[in-house]
Protein backbone atom coordinates (compact mmCIF):
# COMPACT_ATOMS: atom_id res chain seq x y z
CA UNK A 1 81.64 98.08 157.87
CA UNK A 2 80.83 101.32 156.04
CA UNK A 3 81.72 102.18 152.47
CA UNK A 4 84.41 104.61 153.64
CA UNK A 5 85.95 101.88 155.80
CA UNK A 6 85.98 99.52 152.81
CA UNK A 7 87.56 102.24 150.65
CA UNK A 8 90.29 102.77 153.23
CA UNK A 9 91.00 99.02 153.37
CA UNK A 10 91.38 98.96 149.58
CA UNK A 11 93.64 102.03 149.60
CA UNK A 12 95.83 100.57 152.34
CA UNK A 13 96.13 97.31 150.42
CA UNK A 14 97.72 99.23 147.55
CA UNK A 15 100.03 101.15 149.90
CA UNK A 16 101.20 97.94 151.58
CA UNK A 17 101.47 95.70 148.52
CA UNK A 18 102.15 97.71 145.35
CA UNK A 19 105.35 96.25 143.93
CA UNK A 20 105.42 96.39 140.15
CA UNK A 21 108.26 95.10 138.00
CA UNK A 22 111.17 97.55 138.32
CA UNK A 23 111.49 100.48 138.33
CA UNK A 24 109.26 101.80 141.13
CA UNK A 25 105.97 103.31 139.94
CA UNK A 26 104.26 106.12 141.87
CA UNK A 27 100.56 105.96 142.65
CA UNK A 28 97.82 108.42 143.48
CA UNK A 29 94.31 108.14 144.92
CA UNK A 30 91.09 109.74 143.79
CA UNK A 31 90.75 113.31 145.05
CA UNK A 32 94.47 113.84 145.62
CA UNK A 33 96.47 116.32 143.64
CA UNK A 34 99.20 114.69 141.58
CA UNK A 35 101.67 116.17 139.15
CA UNK A 36 102.69 113.72 136.44
CA UNK A 37 105.36 116.07 135.10
CA UNK A 38 108.66 114.23 134.81
CA UNK A 39 107.09 110.83 135.50
CA UNK A 40 107.49 107.99 132.99
CA UNK A 41 104.51 106.09 134.42
CA UNK A 42 102.07 106.06 137.32
CA UNK A 43 98.80 104.53 138.49
CA UNK A 44 95.62 106.13 139.82
CA UNK A 45 93.25 104.25 142.17
CA UNK A 46 89.53 105.05 142.51
CA UNK A 47 86.86 103.17 144.48
CA UNK A 48 83.18 103.62 143.58
CA UNK A 49 79.90 102.41 145.05
CA UNK A 50 77.63 100.61 142.62
CA UNK A 51 74.67 99.43 144.70
CA UNK A 52 73.39 97.38 147.59
CA UNK A 53 70.60 95.11 148.72
CA UNK A 54 69.25 93.83 152.01
CA UNK A 55 70.74 90.36 152.38
CA UNK A 56 68.97 89.15 155.54
CA UNK A 57 65.83 89.97 157.50
CA UNK A 58 65.67 90.48 161.23
CA UNK A 59 65.61 93.04 163.96
CA UNK A 60 67.38 96.36 163.68
CA UNK A 61 71.04 95.83 164.47
CA UNK A 62 71.02 92.28 163.07
CA UNK A 63 70.22 92.86 159.39
CA UNK A 64 72.90 92.38 156.75
CA UNK A 65 73.08 94.77 153.82
CA UNK A 66 75.34 93.64 150.99
CA UNK A 67 77.21 96.60 149.50
CA UNK A 68 78.79 96.52 146.05
CA UNK A 69 81.48 98.60 144.44
CA UNK A 70 84.25 98.75 141.88
CA UNK A 71 87.99 99.25 142.20
CA UNK A 72 89.35 101.20 139.22
CA UNK A 73 93.07 101.41 138.61
CA UNK A 74 94.17 103.54 135.70
CA UNK A 75 97.67 102.73 134.49
CA UNK A 76 99.55 105.47 132.65
CA UNK A 77 102.80 105.08 130.71
CA UNK A 78 104.43 107.54 128.39
CA UNK A 79 103.42 106.81 124.81
CA UNK A 80 106.95 105.98 123.70
CA UNK A 81 107.35 103.20 126.33
CA UNK A 82 105.22 100.77 124.35
CA UNK A 83 102.37 98.40 125.17
CA UNK A 84 104.53 95.80 126.92
CA UNK A 85 105.15 98.04 129.94
CA UNK A 86 101.49 99.11 129.99
CA UNK A 87 100.45 95.45 130.08
CA UNK A 88 103.01 94.57 132.78
CA UNK A 89 101.66 97.26 135.09
CA UNK A 90 98.06 96.41 134.25
CA UNK A 91 98.61 92.76 135.15
CA UNK A 92 100.38 93.69 138.38
CA UNK A 93 97.46 95.93 139.36
CA UNK A 94 94.89 93.26 138.47
CA UNK A 95 96.77 90.58 140.43
CA UNK A 96 96.88 92.86 143.47
CA UNK A 97 93.06 92.80 143.85
CA UNK A 98 91.44 90.08 141.74
CA UNK A 99 90.04 87.13 143.69
CA UNK A 100 91.25 88.39 147.08
CA UNK A 101 89.44 88.85 150.37
CA UNK A 102 90.94 91.75 152.29
CA UNK A 103 89.56 92.41 155.80
CA UNK A 104 86.04 91.24 154.89
CA UNK A 105 86.02 92.98 151.51
CA UNK A 106 85.56 90.27 148.88
CA UNK A 107 87.02 91.12 145.47
CA UNK A 108 85.80 89.19 142.46
CA UNK A 109 86.89 88.55 138.88
CA UNK A 110 88.41 91.63 137.34
CA UNK A 111 89.40 92.77 133.90
CA UNK A 112 92.27 94.74 132.40
CA UNK A 113 91.58 96.78 129.28
CA UNK A 114 94.33 98.45 127.36
CA UNK A 115 93.74 101.64 125.48
CA UNK A 116 96.62 101.73 123.05
CA UNK A 117 95.76 105.17 121.72
CA UNK A 118 97.18 108.18 123.50
CA UNK A 119 94.72 109.95 125.76
CA UNK A 120 95.95 113.53 125.93
CA UNK A 121 95.97 116.08 123.19
CA UNK A 122 99.76 116.23 123.31
CA UNK A 123 99.99 112.45 122.78
CA UNK A 124 102.23 111.80 125.80
CA UNK A 125 100.32 109.03 127.66
CA UNK A 126 98.88 105.59 126.95
CA UNK A 127 96.38 104.20 129.43
CA UNK A 128 95.08 100.86 130.62
CA UNK A 129 92.25 100.36 133.10
CA UNK A 130 91.80 97.60 135.67
CA UNK A 131 88.27 97.10 137.03
CA UNK A 132 87.55 94.71 139.90
CA UNK A 133 84.09 94.41 141.48
CA UNK A 134 83.84 93.90 145.24
CA UNK A 135 81.28 93.29 147.97
CA UNK A 136 81.16 93.69 151.73
CA UNK A 137 78.47 93.47 154.38
CA UNK A 138 77.15 96.22 156.59
CA UNK A 139 75.18 95.23 159.69
CA UNK A 140 72.31 97.59 160.58
């Protein structure tokens, strides 16, 4: 499996399984344009490589390289919606990935961090961030 294949698996997992407490919440992926105008809340998913190591020895074509990465989900709610909704969406996002194995991508213990201050100069958004480390193997 390559890193791009792992990223696609993680993206598709969100597409297939994102079901927050009502109402529906839109999502966006890294590198996509997204207009938050008129939205009360949304999430943004990014997947980043963090490193790798050779896990086994052997002949070319039979060596295992363990790849590592992080899933980042930023949760945005309008500032006047309060921390309860921010926390609900953050927990839903964390539960979607933490401790799961999805098509040979192993996700580990994650963390949700709330940022109760507003993050734009106009004070319209509060943000929380979910971070979940993952590993997968590439055979080379």
